Amino acid sequence: MDKKVRDIMKPLTQFPWVGIRDNMFKVVQQLYASRKEGNNSGCAVVEDGGVPVGLISIRGVFDAMEPGAFHISLWSVPVFWEGLWEERIRHLKRKMVSEFVAPKEMIGVQNDHNLMRVVYVFNRTKIPAVAVMDGNRMVGIVEAAQVFREILRDAAELGSKQ
């Protein structure tokens, strides 16, 4: 029952790709376009030559939308919520993918690792997808929803054996 990452990973070809020099608005557009395939947690990020270098997730989109004033610890600056949503969505065109990409070295697991390694990376990074590596090469992505489906399936199987 010790499942490997390669058993549940999806190849990179099943995910939208964005360039490291693209803006965050393009990420949102790509995620919107890919929602029909059920891939909503992230995009592969590629260098100019098309080499995958990491992931940009919905968490990255949320980070890009957050105003700088939110980073002040004591909230000494008043937040004017009215109109902020639309302004921040427009602001995504001025934010670059390079500012929010999670490098494959930080969120990568080898394709022969077991799924507990993936759970560890999810908990450590709070990013809902991990890059699947074959050596130094990014070959796929595992999303949190996929791992959770495996938890549900295996828990049901173990429960039926007791």
Foldseek 3Di string as FASTA:
>chain_A
DQAFQLVQWDWLVLFAEDEQFAFQLVFVVRLVVSVVVVPNFWHFYAYPVRATFFIAGVVLLVVQLDDPCVPDPVSPDDDDPVPSVVVSSVSSRVHGNNVRGDTLVLFEDERGHTCVVNVVSCVVPVRQKHFYDHVPGGTGMDGNVSVVVVVVVVVVVVVVVD
